mmCIF file of all heavy atoms, coordinates in Angstrom:
data_MODEL
# 
_entry.id   MODEL 
# 
loop_
_atom_site.group_PDB 
_atom_site.id 
_atom_site.type_symbol 
_atom_site.label_atom_id 
_atom_site.label_alt_id 
_atom_site.label_comp_id 
_atom_site.label_asym_id 
_atom_site.label_entity_id 
_atom_site.label_seq_id 
_atom_site.pdbx_PDB_ins_code 
_atom_site.Cartn_x 
_atom_site.Cartn_y 
_atom_site.Cartn_z 
_atom_site.occupancy 
_atom_site.B_iso_or_equiv 
_atom_site.pdbx_formal_charge 
_atom_site.auth_seq_id 
_atom_site.auth_comp_id 
_atom_site.auth_asym_id 
_atom_site.auth_atom_id 
_atom_site.pdbx_PDB_model_num 
ATOM 1   N N   . GLU A 1 1  ? 123.290 -113.616 -28.695 1.00 0.00 ? 1  GLU A N   1 
ATOM 2   C CA  . GLU A 1 1  ? 124.235 -112.834 -27.887 1.00 0.00 ? 1  GLU A CA  1 
ATOM 3   C C   . GLU A 1 1  ? 124.209 -113.493 -26.466 1.00 0.00 ? 1  GLU A C   1 
ATOM 4   O O   . GLU A 1 1  ? 123.106 -113.609 -25.884 1.00 0.00 ? 1  GLU A O   1 
ATOM 5   C CB  . GLU A 1 1  ? 123.888 -111.387 -27.839 1.00 0.00 ? 1  GLU A CB  1 
ATOM 6   C CG  . GLU A 1 1  ? 124.921 -110.480 -27.237 1.00 0.00 ? 1  GLU A CG  1 
ATOM 7   C CD  . GLU A 1 1  ? 124.771 -110.419 -25.720 1.00 0.00 ? 1  GLU A CD  1 
ATOM 8   O OE1 . GLU A 1 1  ? 123.661 -110.428 -25.272 1.00 0.00 ? 1  GLU A OE1 1 
ATOM 9   O OE2 . GLU A 1 1  ? 125.835 -110.280 -25.062 1.00 0.00 ? 1  GLU A OE2 1 
ATOM 10  N N   . VAL A 1 2  ? 125.317 -113.853 -25.903 1.00 0.00 ? 2  VAL A N   1 
ATOM 11  C CA  . VAL A 1 2  ? 125.332 -114.712 -24.703 1.00 0.00 ? 2  VAL A CA  1 
ATOM 12  C C   . VAL A 1 2  ? 124.670 -114.058 -23.509 1.00 0.00 ? 2  VAL A C   1 
ATOM 13  O O   . VAL A 1 2  ? 123.855 -114.700 -22.861 1.00 0.00 ? 2  VAL A O   1 
ATOM 14  C CB  . VAL A 1 2  ? 126.830 -115.086 -24.364 1.00 0.00 ? 2  VAL A CB  1 
ATOM 15  C CG1 . VAL A 1 2  ? 126.831 -115.865 -23.039 1.00 0.00 ? 2  VAL A CG1 1 
ATOM 16  C CG2 . VAL A 1 2  ? 127.375 -115.964 -25.462 1.00 0.00 ? 2  VAL A CG2 1 
ATOM 17  N N   . GLU A 1 3  ? 124.979 -112.823 -23.158 1.00 0.00 ? 3  GLU A N   1 
ATOM 18  C CA  . GLU A 1 3  ? 124.485 -112.200 -21.990 1.00 0.00 ? 3  GLU A CA  1 
ATOM 19  C C   . GLU A 1 3  ? 122.947 -112.102 -21.995 1.00 0.00 ? 3  GLU A C   1 
ATOM 20  O O   . GLU A 1 3  ? 122.264 -112.436 -20.996 1.00 0.00 ? 3  GLU A O   1 
ATOM 21  C CB  . GLU A 1 3  ? 125.080 -110.846 -21.704 1.00 0.00 ? 3  GLU A CB  1 
ATOM 22  C CG  . GLU A 1 3  ? 126.454 -110.888 -21.066 1.00 0.00 ? 3  GLU A CG  1 
ATOM 23  C CD  . GLU A 1 3  ? 127.542 -111.385 -22.027 1.00 0.00 ? 3  GLU A CD  1 
ATOM 24  O OE1 . GLU A 1 3  ? 127.322 -111.321 -23.291 1.00 0.00 ? 3  GLU A OE1 1 
ATOM 25  O OE2 . GLU A 1 3  ? 128.616 -111.821 -21.577 1.00 0.00 ? 3  GLU A OE2 1 
ATOM 26  N N   . THR A 1 4  ? 122.394 -111.727 -23.133 1.00 0.00 ? 4  THR A N   1 
ATOM 27  C CA  . THR A 1 4  ? 120.938 -111.630 -23.275 1.00 0.00 ? 4  THR A CA  1 
ATOM 28  C C   . THR A 1 4  ? 120.305 -113.027 -23.209 1.00 0.00 ? 4  THR A C   1 
ATOM 29  O O   . THR A 1 4  ? 119.260 -113.203 -22.524 1.00 0.00 ? 4  THR A O   1 
ATOM 30  C CB  . THR A 1 4  ? 120.582 -110.981 -24.642 1.00 0.00 ? 4  THR A CB  1 
ATOM 31  O OG1 . THR A 1 4  ? 121.148 -109.715 -24.680 1.00 0.00 ? 4  THR A OG1 1 
ATOM 32  C CG2 . THR A 1 4  ? 119.074 -110.904 -24.773 1.00 0.00 ? 4  THR A CG2 1 
ATOM 33  N N   . TRP A 1 5  ? 120.981 -113.992 -23.824 1.00 0.00 ? 5  TRP A N   1 
ATOM 34  C CA  . TRP A 1 5  ? 120.435 -115.354 -23.789 1.00 0.00 ? 5  TRP A CA  1 
ATOM 35  C C   . TRP A 1 5  ? 120.437 -115.884 -22.397 1.00 0.00 ? 5  TRP A C   1 
ATOM 36  O O   . TRP A 1 5  ? 119.479 -116.552 -21.958 1.00 0.00 ? 5  TRP A O   1 
ATOM 37  C CB  . TRP A 1 5  ? 121.300 -116.266 -24.685 1.00 0.00 ? 5  TRP A CB  1 
ATOM 38  C CG  . TRP A 1 5  ? 120.796 -117.672 -24.757 1.00 0.00 ? 5  TRP A CG  1 
ATOM 39  C CD1 . TRP A 1 5  ? 119.931 -118.196 -25.686 1.00 0.00 ? 5  TRP A CD1 1 
ATOM 40  C CD2 . TRP A 1 5  ? 121.035 -118.734 -23.825 1.00 0.00 ? 5  TRP A CD2 1 
ATOM 41  N NE1 . TRP A 1 5  ? 119.638 -119.514 -25.401 1.00 0.00 ? 5  TRP A NE1 1 
ATOM 42  C CE2 . TRP A 1 5  ? 120.337 -119.858 -24.279 1.00 0.00 ? 5  TRP A CE2 1 
ATOM 43  C CE3 . TRP A 1 5  ? 121.823 -118.840 -22.701 1.00 0.00 ? 5  TRP A CE3 1 
ATOM 44  C CZ2 . TRP A 1 5  ? 120.328 -121.086 -23.621 1.00 0.00 ? 5  TRP A CZ2 1 
ATOM 45  C CZ3 . TRP A 1 5  ? 121.854 -120.060 -22.036 1.00 0.00 ? 5  TRP A CZ3 1 
ATOM 46  C CH2 . TRP A 1 5  ? 121.140 -121.148 -22.468 1.00 0.00 ? 5  TRP A CH2 1 
ATOM 47  N N   . VAL A 1 6  ? 121.498 -115.627 -21.589 1.00 0.00 ? 6  VAL A N   1 
ATOM 48  C CA  . VAL A 1 6  ? 121.537 -116.142 -20.219 1.00 0.00 ? 6  VAL A CA  1 
ATOM 49  C C   . VAL A 1 6  ? 120.454 -115.474 -19.348 1.00 0.00 ? 6  VAL A C   1 
ATOM 50  O O   . VAL A 1 6  ? 119.865 -116.177 -18.511 1.00 0.00 ? 6  VAL A O   1 
ATOM 51  C CB  . VAL A 1 6  ? 122.953 -115.880 -19.628 1.00 0.00 ? 6  VAL A CB  1 
ATOM 52  C CG1 . VAL A 1 6  ? 122.948 -116.145 -18.136 1.00 0.00 ? 6  VAL A CG1 1 
ATOM 53  C CG2 . VAL A 1 6  ? 123.974 -116.724 -20.291 1.00 0.00 ? 6  VAL A CG2 1 
ATOM 54  N N   . ARG A 1 7  ? 120.201 -114.232 -19.544 1.00 0.00 ? 7  ARG A N   1 
ATOM 55  C CA  . ARG A 1 7  ? 119.145 -113.575 -18.762 1.00 0.00 ? 7  ARG A CA  1 
ATOM 56  C C   . ARG A 1 7  ? 117.808 -114.243 -19.082 1.00 0.00 ? 7  ARG A C   1 
ATOM 57  O O   . ARG A 1 7  ? 117.040 -114.611 -18.184 1.00 0.00 ? 7  ARG A O   1 
ATOM 58  C CB  . ARG A 1 7  ? 119.041 -112.117 -19.106 1.00 0.00 ? 7  ARG A CB  1 
ATOM 59  C CG  . ARG A 1 7  ? 117.944 -111.338 -18.336 1.00 0.00 ? 7  ARG A CG  1 
ATOM 60  C CD  . ARG A 1 7  ? 117.492 -110.124 -19.070 1.00 0.00 ? 7  ARG A CD  1 
ATOM 61  N NE  . ARG A 1 7  ? 116.834 -110.508 -20.326 1.00 0.00 ? 7  ARG A NE  1 
ATOM 62  C CZ  . ARG A 1 7  ? 116.571 -109.698 -21.336 1.00 0.00 ? 7  ARG A CZ  1 
ATOM 63  N NH1 . ARG A 1 7  ? 116.888 -108.370 -21.213 1.00 0.00 ? 7  ARG A NH1 1 
ATOM 64  N NH2 . ARG A 1 7  ? 115.934 -110.100 -22.420 1.00 0.00 ? 7  ARG A NH2 1 
ATOM 65  N N   . ASP A 1 8  ? 117.533 -114.449 -20.363 1.00 0.00 ? 8  ASP A N   1 
ATOM 66  C CA  . ASP A 1 8  ? 116.271 -115.114 -20.762 1.00 0.00 ? 8  ASP A CA  1 
ATOM 67  C C   . ASP A 1 8  ? 116.221 -116.557 -20.230 1.00 0.00 ? 8  ASP A C   1 
ATOM 68  O O   . ASP A 1 8  ? 115.175 -117.017 -19.762 1.00 0.00 ? 8  ASP A O   1 
ATOM 69  C CB  . ASP A 1 8  ? 116.138 -115.159 -22.301 1.00 0.00 ? 8  ASP A CB  1 
ATOM 70  C CG  . ASP A 1 8  ? 115.976 -113.793 -22.880 1.00 0.00 ? 8  ASP A CG  1 
ATOM 71  O OD1 . ASP A 1 8  ? 115.633 -112.860 -22.150 1.00 0.00 ? 8  ASP A OD1 1 
ATOM 72  O OD2 . ASP A 1 8  ? 116.163 -113.651 -24.084 1.00 0.00 ? 8  ASP A OD2 1 
ATOM 73  N N   . TYR A 1 9  ? 117.356 -117.252 -20.252 1.00 0.00 ? 9  TYR A N   1 
ATOM 74  C CA  . TYR A 1 9  ? 117.424 -118.609 -19.721 1.00 0.00 ? 9  TYR A CA  1 
ATOM 75  C C   . TYR A 1 9  ? 117.018 -118.601 -18.252 1.00 0.00 ? 9  TYR A C   1 
ATOM 76  O O   . TYR A 1 9  ? 116.226 -119.477 -17.838 1.00 0.00 ? 9  TYR A O   1 
ATOM 77  C CB  . TYR A 1 9  ? 118.846 -119.146 -19.881 1.00 0.00 ? 9  TYR A CB  1 
ATOM 78  C CG  . TYR A 1 9  ? 119.140 -120.371 -19.077 1.00 0.00 ? 9  TYR A CG  1 
ATOM 79  C CD1 . TYR A 1 9  ? 118.786 -121.649 -19.638 1.00 0.00 ? 9  TYR A CD1 1 
ATOM 80  C CD2 . TYR A 1 9  ? 119.694 -120.311 -17.813 1.00 0.00 ? 9  TYR A CD2 1 
ATOM 81  C CE1 . TYR A 1 9  ? 119.080 -122.795 -18.831 1.00 0.00 ? 9  TYR A CE1 1 
ATOM 82  C CE2 . TYR A 1 9  ? 119.904 -121.445 -17.037 1.00 0.00 ? 9  TYR A CE2 1 
ATOM 83  C CZ  . TYR A 1 9  ? 119.607 -122.694 -17.583 1.00 0.00 ? 9  TYR A CZ  1 
ATOM 84  O OH  . TYR A 1 9  ? 119.829 -123.804 -16.819 1.00 0.00 ? 9  TYR A OH  1 
ATOM 85  N N   . ALA A 1 10 ? 117.568 -117.721 -17.477 1.00 0.00 ? 10 ALA A N   1 
ATOM 86  C CA  . ALA A 1 10 ? 117.268 -117.666 -16.020 1.00 0.00 ? 10 ALA A CA  1 
ATOM 87  C C   . ALA A 1 10 ? 115.794 -117.457 -15.793 1.00 0.00 ? 10 ALA A C   1 
ATOM 88  O O   . ALA A 1 10 ? 115.161 -118.091 -14.949 1.00 0.00 ? 10 ALA A O   1 
ATOM 89  C CB  . ALA A 1 10 ? 118.106 -116.630 -15.341 1.00 0.00 ? 10 ALA A CB  1 
ATOM 90  N N   . TRP A 1 11 ? 115.191 -116.536 -16.498 1.00 0.00 ? 11 TRP A N   1 
ATOM 91  C CA  . TRP A 1 11 ? 113.789 -116.247 -16.313 1.00 0.00 ? 11 TRP A CA  1 
ATOM 92  C C   . TRP A 1 11 ? 112.922 -117.413 -16.748 1.00 0.00 ? 11 TRP A C   1 
ATOM 93  O O   . TRP A 1 11 ? 111.891 -117.724 -16.106 1.00 0.00 ? 11 TRP A O   1 
ATOM 94  C CB  . TRP A 1 11 ? 113.402 -114.969 -17.088 1.00 0.00 ? 11 TRP A CB  1 
ATOM 95  C CG  . TRP A 1 11 ? 114.040 -113.749 -16.551 1.00 0.00 ? 11 TRP A CG  1 
ATOM 96  C CD1 . TRP A 1 11 ? 114.896 -113.644 -15.485 1.00 0.00 ? 11 TRP A CD1 1 
ATOM 97  C CD2 . TRP A 1 11 ? 113.791 -112.403 -17.022 1.00 0.00 ? 11 TRP A CD2 1 
ATOM 98  N NE1 . TRP A 1 11 ? 115.293 -112.347 -15.308 1.00 0.00 ? 11 TRP A NE1 1 
ATOM 99  C CE2 . TRP A 1 11 ? 114.618 -111.546 -16.228 1.00 0.00 ? 11 TRP A CE2 1 
ATOM 100 C CE3 . TRP A 1 11 ? 113.028 -111.862 -18.026 1.00 0.00 ? 11 TRP A CE3 1 
ATOM 101 C CZ2 . TRP A 1 11 ? 114.669 -110.126 -16.415 1.00 0.00 ? 11 TRP A CZ2 1 
ATOM 102 C CZ3 . TRP A 1 11 ? 113.070 -110.488 -18.248 1.00 0.00 ? 11 TRP A CZ3 1 
ATOM 103 C CH2 . TRP A 1 11 ? 113.886 -109.644 -17.403 1.00 0.00 ? 11 TRP A CH2 1 
ATOM 104 N N   . GLN A 1 12 ? 113.333 -118.086 -17.834 1.00 0.00 ? 12 GLN A N   1 
ATOM 105 C CA  . GLN A 1 12 ? 112.549 -119.267 -18.281 1.00 0.00 ? 12 GLN A CA  1 
ATOM 106 C C   . GLN A 1 12 ? 112.731 -120.417 -17.299 1.00 0.00 ? 12 GLN A C   1 
ATOM 107 O O   . GLN A 1 12 ? 111.781 -121.095 -16.926 1.00 0.00 ? 12 GLN A O   1 
ATOM 108 C CB  . GLN A 1 12 ? 113.078 -119.737 -19.656 1.00 0.00 ? 12 GLN A CB  1 
ATOM 109 C CG  . GLN A 1 12 ? 112.837 -118.762 -20.809 1.00 0.00 ? 12 GLN A CG  1 
ATOM 110 C CD  . GLN A 1 12 ? 113.728 -119.069 -22.003 1.00 0.00 ? 12 GLN A CD  1 
ATOM 111 O OE1 . GLN A 1 12 ? 114.492 -120.027 -21.955 1.00 0.00 ? 12 GLN A OE1 1 
ATOM 112 N NE2 . GLN A 1 12 ? 113.653 -118.247 -23.008 1.00 0.00 ? 12 GLN A NE2 1 
ATOM 113 N N   . ARG A 1 13 ? 113.963 -120.593 -16.813 1.00 0.00 ? 13 ARG A N   1 
ATOM 114 C CA  . ARG A 1 13 ? 114.220 -121.735 -15.929 1.00 0.00 ? 13 ARG A CA  1 
ATOM 115 C C   . ARG A 1 13 ? 113.414 -121.636 -14.640 1.00 0.00 ? 13 ARG A C   1 
ATOM 116 O O   . ARG A 1 13 ? 112.940 -122.651 -14.126 1.00 0.00 ? 13 ARG A O   1 
ATOM 117 C CB  . ARG A 1 13 ? 115.718 -121.789 -15.653 1.00 0.00 ? 13 ARG A CB  1 
ATOM 118 C CG  . ARG A 1 13 ? 116.128 -122.894 -14.661 1.00 0.00 ? 13 ARG A CG  1 
ATOM 119 C CD  . ARG A 1 13 ? 117.588 -123.273 -14.849 1.00 0.00 ? 13 ARG A CD  1 
ATOM 120 N NE  . ARG A 1 13 ? 118.049 -124.257 -13.862 1.00 0.00 ? 13 ARG A NE  1 
ATOM 121 C CZ  . ARG A 1 13 ? 117.791 -125.539 -13.868 1.00 0.00 ? 13 ARG A CZ  1 
ATOM 122 N NH1 . ARG A 1 13 ? 116.987 -126.037 -14.810 1.00 0.00 ? 13 ARG A NH1 1 
ATOM 123 N NH2 . ARG A 1 13 ? 118.261 -126.344 -12.971 1.00 0.00 ? 13 ARG A NH2 1 
ATOM 124 N N   . TYR A 1 14 ? 113.341 -120.432 -14.108 1.00 0.00 ? 14 TYR A N   1 
ATOM 125 C CA  . TYR A 1 14 ? 112.638 -120.248 -12.851 1.00 0.00 ? 14 TYR A CA  1 
ATOM 126 C C   . TYR A 1 14 ? 111.187 -119.817 -13.012 1.00 0.00 ? 14 TYR A C   1 
ATOM 127 O O   . TYR A 1 14 ? 110.518 -119.467 -12.051 1.00 0.00 ? 14 TYR A O   1 
ATOM 128 C CB  . TYR A 1 14 ? 113.386 -119.246 -11.970 1.00 0.00 ? 14 TYR A CB  1 
ATOM 129 C CG  . TYR A 1 14 ? 114.842 -119.536 -11.783 1.00 0.00 ? 14 TYR A CG  1 
ATOM 130 C CD1 . TYR A 1 14 ? 115.842 -118.519 -11.838 1.00 0.00 ? 14 TYR A CD1 1 
ATOM 131 C CD2 . TYR A 1 14 ? 115.306 -120.861 -11.614 1.00 0.00 ? 14 TYR A CD2 1 
ATOM 132 C CE1 . TYR A 1 14 ? 117.167 -118.873 -11.688 1.00 0.00 ? 14 TYR A CE1 1 
ATOM 133 C CE2 . TYR A 1 14 ? 116.627 -121.154 -11.442 1.00 0.00 ? 14 TYR A CE2 1 
ATOM 134 C CZ  . TYR A 1 14 ? 117.538 -120.131 -11.502 1.00 0.00 ? 14 TYR A CZ  1 
ATOM 135 O OH  . TYR A 1 14 ? 118.897 -120.471 -11.368 1.00 0.00 ? 14 TYR A OH  1 
ATOM 136 N N   . ASP A 1 15 ? 110.703 -119.851 -14.280 1.00 0.00 ? 15 ASP A N   1 
ATOM 137 C CA  . ASP A 1 15 ? 109.285 -119.573 -14.609 1.00 0.00 ? 15 ASP A CA  1 
ATOM 138 C C   . ASP A 1 15 ? 108.883 -118.181 -14.034 1.00 0.00 ? 15 ASP A C   1 
ATOM 139 O O   . ASP A 1 15 ? 107.940 -118.036 -13.264 1.00 0.00 ? 15 ASP A O   1 
ATOM 140 C CB  . ASP A 1 15 ? 108.405 -120.665 -14.018 1.00 0.00 ? 15 ASP A CB  1 
ATOM 141 C CG  . ASP A 1 15 ? 106.992 -120.634 -14.613 1.00 0.00 ? 15 ASP A CG  1 
ATOM 142 O OD1 . ASP A 1 15 ? 106.754 -119.923 -15.637 1.00 0.00 ? 15 ASP A OD1 1 
ATOM 143 O OD2 . ASP A 1 15 ? 106.115 -121.358 -14.117 1.00 0.00 ? 15 ASP A OD2 1 
ATOM 144 N N   . LEU A 1 16 ? 109.674 -117.173 -14.442 1.00 0.00 ? 16 LEU A N   1 
ATOM 145 C CA  . LEU A 1 16 ? 109.471 -115.840 -13.857 1.00 0.00 ? 16 LEU A CA  1 
ATOM 146 C C   . LEU A 1 16 ? 108.699 -114.881 -14.766 1.00 0.00 ? 16 LEU A C   1 
ATOM 147 O O   . LEU A 1 16 ? 108.717 -113.655 -14.555 1.00 0.00 ? 16 LEU A O   1 
ATOM 148 C CB  . LEU A 1 16 ? 110.865 -115.230 -13.562 1.00 0.00 ? 16 LEU A CB  1 
ATOM 149 C CG  . LEU A 1 16 ? 111.717 -115.987 -12.550 1.00 0.00 ? 16 LEU A CG  1 
ATOM 150 C CD1 . LEU A 1 16 ? 113.044 -115.269 -12.396 1.00 0.00 ? 16 LEU A CD1 1 
ATOM 151 C CD2 . LEU A 1 16 ? 111.021 -116.184 -11.239 1.00 0.00 ? 16 LEU A CD2 1 
ATOM 152 N N   . ALA A 1 17 ? 108.040 -115.447 -15.809 1.00 0.00 ? 17 ALA A N   1 
ATOM 153 C CA  . ALA A 1 17 ? 107.341 -114.540 -16.709 1.00 0.00 ? 17 ALA A CA  1 
ATOM 154 C C   . ALA A 1 17 ? 106.376 -113.607 -16.036 1.00 0.00 ? 17 ALA A C   1 
ATOM 155 O O   . ALA A 1 17 ? 106.313 -112.433 -16.393 1.00 0.00 ? 17 ALA A O   1 
ATOM 156 C CB  . ALA A 1 17 ? 106.582 -115.411 -17.791 1.00 0.00 ? 17 ALA A CB  1 
ATOM 157 N N   . ASP A 1 18 ? 105.672 -114.118 -15.007 1.00 0.00 ? 18 ASP A N   1 
ATOM 158 C CA  . ASP A 1 18 ? 104.715 -113.268 -14.315 1.00 0.00 ? 18 ASP A CA  1 
ATOM 159 C C   . ASP A 1 18 ? 105.144 -112.921 -12.893 1.00 0.00 ? 18 ASP A C   1 
ATOM 160 O O   . ASP A 1 18 ? 104.381 -112.492 -12.050 1.00 0.00 ? 18 ASP A O   1 
ATOM 161 C CB  . ASP A 1 18 ? 103.344 -114.062 -14.208 1.00 0.00 ? 18 ASP A CB  1 
ATOM 162 C CG  . ASP A 1 18 ? 102.799 -114.335 -15.608 1.00 0.00 ? 18 ASP A CG  1 
ATOM 163 O OD1 . ASP A 1 18 ? 102.855 -113.411 -16.499 1.00 0.00 ? 18 ASP A OD1 1 
ATOM 164 O OD2 . ASP A 1 18 ? 102.261 -115.452 -15.801 1.00 0.00 ? 18 ASP A OD2 1 
ATOM 165 N N   . ALA A 1 19 ? 106.467 -113.145 -12.631 1.00 0.00 ? 19 ALA A N   1 
ATOM 166 C CA  . ALA A 1 19 ? 106.990 -112.859 -11.302 1.00 0.00 ? 19 ALA A CA  1 
ATOM 167 C C   . ALA A 1 19 ? 107.264 -111.346 -11.123 1.00 0.00 ? 19 ALA A C   1 
ATOM 168 O O   . ALA A 1 19 ? 107.372 -110.613 -12.111 1.00 0.00 ? 19 ALA A O   1 
ATOM 169 C CB  . ALA A 1 19 ? 108.344 -113.637 -11.091 1.00 0.00 ? 19 ALA A CB  1 
ATOM 170 N N   . PRO A 1 20 ? 107.322 -110.872 -9.902  1.00 0.00 ? 20 PRO A N   1 
ATOM 171 C CA  . PRO A 1 20 ? 107.623 -109.483 -9.633  1.00 0.00 ? 20 PRO A CA  1 
ATOM 172 C C   . PRO A 1 20 ? 108.989 -109.096 -10.164 1.00 0.00 ? 20 PRO A C   1 
ATOM 173 O O   . PRO A 1 20 ? 109.883 -109.933 -10.241 1.00 0.00 ? 20 PRO A O   1 
ATOM 174 C CB  . PRO A 1 20 ? 107.497 -109.312 -8.164  1.00 0.00 ? 20 PRO A CB  1 
ATOM 175 C CG  . PRO A 1 20 ? 107.673 -110.660 -7.595  1.00 0.00 ? 20 PRO A CG  1 
ATOM 176 C CD  . PRO A 1 20 ? 107.097 -111.593 -8.623  1.00 0.00 ? 20 PRO A CD  1 
ATOM 177 N N   . PRO A 1 21 ? 109.198 -107.804 -10.506 1.00 0.00 ? 21 PRO A N   1 
ATOM 178 C CA  . PRO A 1 21 ? 110.542 -107.390 -11.053 1.00 0.00 ? 21 PRO A CA  1 
ATOM 179 C C   . PRO A 1 21 ? 111.710 -107.700 -10.092 1.00 0.00 ? 21 PRO A C   1 
ATOM 180 O O   . PRO A 1 21 ? 112.813 -107.997 -10.544 1.00 0.00 ? 21 PRO A O   1 
ATOM 181 C CB  . PRO A 1 21 ? 110.396 -105.857 -11.210 1.00 0.00 ? 21 PRO A CB  1 
ATOM 182 C CG  . PRO A 1 21 ? 108.892 -105.644 -11.388 1.00 0.00 ? 21 PRO A CG  1 
ATOM 183 C CD  . PRO A 1 21 ? 108.238 -106.694 -10.549 1.00 0.00 ? 21 PRO A CD  1 
ATOM 184 N N   . SER A 1 22 ? 111.432 -107.721 -8.799  1.00 0.00 ? 22 SER A N   1 
ATOM 185 C CA  . SER A 1 22 ? 112.501 -107.971 -7.827  1.00 0.00 ? 22 SER A CA  1 
ATOM 186 C C   . SER A 1 22 ? 113.037 -109.391 -7.987  1.00 0.00 ? 22 SER A C   1 
ATOM 187 O O   . SER A 1 22 ? 114.237 -109.656 -7.823  1.00 0.00 ? 22 SER A O   1 
ATOM 188 C CB  . SER A 1 22 ? 112.037 -107.713 -6.381  1.00 0.00 ? 22 SER A CB  1 
ATOM 189 O OG  . SER A 1 22 ? 110.857 -108.468 -6.148  1.00 0.00 ? 22 SER A OG  1 
ATOM 190 N N   . ALA A 1 23 ? 112.126 -110.351 -8.276  1.00 0.00 ? 23 ALA A N   1 
ATOM 191 C CA  . ALA A 1 23 ? 112.534 -111.739 -8.493  1.00 0.00 ? 23 ALA A CA  1 
ATOM 192 C C   . ALA A 1 23 ? 113.375 -111.844 -9.763  1.00 0.00 ? 23 ALA A C   1 
ATOM 193 O O   . ALA A 1 23 ? 114.364 -112.569 -9.823  1.00 0.00 ? 23 ALA A O   1 
ATOM 194 C CB  . ALA A 1 23 ? 111.342 -112.650 -8.552  1.00 0.00 ? 23 ALA A CB  1 
ATOM 195 N N   . LYS A 1 24 ? 112.924 -111.219 -10.852 1.00 0.00 ? 24 LYS A N   1 
ATOM 196 C CA  . LYS A 1 24 ? 113.674 -111.235 -12.087 1.00 0.00 ? 24 LYS A CA  1 
ATOM 197 C C   . LYS A 1 24 ? 115.069 -110.585 -11.879 1.00 0.00 ? 24 LYS A C   1 
ATOM 198 O O   . LYS A 1 24 ? 116.065 -111.078 -12.459 1.00 0.00 ? 24 LYS A O   1 
ATOM 199 C CB  . LYS A 1 24 ? 112.906 -110.483 -13.192 1.00 0.00 ? 24 LYS A CB  1 
ATOM 200 C CG  . LYS A 1 24 ? 111.640 -111.219 -13.585 1.00 0.00 ? 24 LYS A CG  1 
ATOM 201 C CD  . LYS A 1 24 ? 110.922 -110.434 -14.694 1.00 0.00 ? 24 LYS A CD  1 
ATOM 202 C CE  . LYS A 1 24 ? 109.647 -111.155 -15.132 1.00 0.00 ? 24 LYS A CE  1 
ATOM 203 N NZ  . LYS A 1 24 ? 108.891 -110.363 -16.117 1.00 0.00 ? 24 LYS A NZ  1 
ATOM 204 N N   . ASP A 1 25 ? 115.109 -109.465 -11.172 1.00 0.00 ? 25 ASP A N   1 
ATOM 205 C CA  . ASP A 1 25 ? 116.386 -108.809 -10.946 1.00 0.00 ? 25 ASP A CA  1 
ATOM 206 C C   . ASP A 1 25 ? 117.368 -109.707 -10.148 1.00 0.00 ? 25 ASP A C   1 
ATOM 207 O O   . ASP A 1 25 ? 118.549 -109.784 -10.461 1.00 0.00 ? 25 ASP A O   1 
ATOM 208 C CB  . ASP A 1 25 ? 116.162 -107.517 -10.170 1.00 0.00 ? 25 ASP A CB  1 
ATOM 209 C CG  . ASP A 1 25 ? 115.511 -106.430 -11.023 1.00 0.00 ? 25 ASP A CG  1 
ATOM 210 O OD1 . ASP A 1 25 ? 115.473 -106.577 -12.261 1.00 0.00 ? 25 ASP A OD1 1 
ATOM 211 O OD2 . ASP A 1 25 ? 115.011 -105.435 -10.427 1.00 0.00 ? 25 ASP A OD2 1 
ATOM 212 N N   . ALA A 1 26 ? 116.808 -110.385 -9.135  1.00 0.00 ? 26 ALA A N   1 
ATOM 213 C CA  . ALA A 1 26 ? 117.659 -111.292 -8.369  1.00 0.00 ? 26 ALA A CA  1 
ATOM 214 C C   . ALA A 1 26 ? 118.227 -112.428 -9.184  1.00 0.00 ? 26 ALA A C   1 
ATOM 215 O O   . ALA A 1 26 ? 119.397 -112.806 -9.112  1.00 0.00 ? 26 ALA A O   1 
ATOM 216 C CB  . ALA A 1 26 ? 116.897 -111.822 -7.128  1.00 0.00 ? 26 ALA A CB  1 
ATOM 217 N N   . ALA A 1 27 ? 117.370 -113.017 -10.041 1.00 0.00 ? 27 ALA A N   1 
ATOM 218 C CA  . ALA A 1 27 ? 117.810 -114.082 -10.924 1.00 0.00 ? 27 ALA A CA  1 
ATOM 219 C C   . ALA A 1 27 ? 118.856 -113.589 -11.908 1.00 0.00 ? 27 ALA A C   1 
ATOM 220 O O   . ALA A 1 27 ? 119.860 -114.253 -12.160 1.00 0.00 ? 27 ALA A O   1 
ATOM 221 C CB  . ALA A 1 27 ? 116.612 -114.655 -11.724 1.00 0.00 ? 27 ALA A CB  1 
ATOM 222 N N   . SER A 1 28 ? 118.666 -112.351 -12.418 1.00 0.00 ? 28 SER A N   1 
ATOM 223 C CA  . SER A 1 28 ? 119.679 -111.744 -13.369 1.00 0.00 ? 28 SER A CA  1 
ATOM 224 C C   . SER A 1 28 ? 120.955 -111.540 -12.668 1.00 0.00 ? 28 SER A C   1 
ATOM 225 O O   . SER A 1 28 ? 122.045 -111.820 -13.211 1.00 0.00 ? 28 SER A O   1 
ATOM 226 C CB  . SER A 1 28 ? 119.085 -110.514 -14.009 1.00 0.00 ? 28 SER A CB  1 
ATOM 227 O OG  . SER A 1 28 ? 117.951 -110.755 -14.774 1.00 0.00 ? 28 SER A OG  1 
# 
């Protein structure tokens, strides 16, 4: 599903697995 895939892509691309929620929210 595109929107879910894009969110995961952004987090993977910026290596946000262990980043604070605010960083993940900004990327999303």
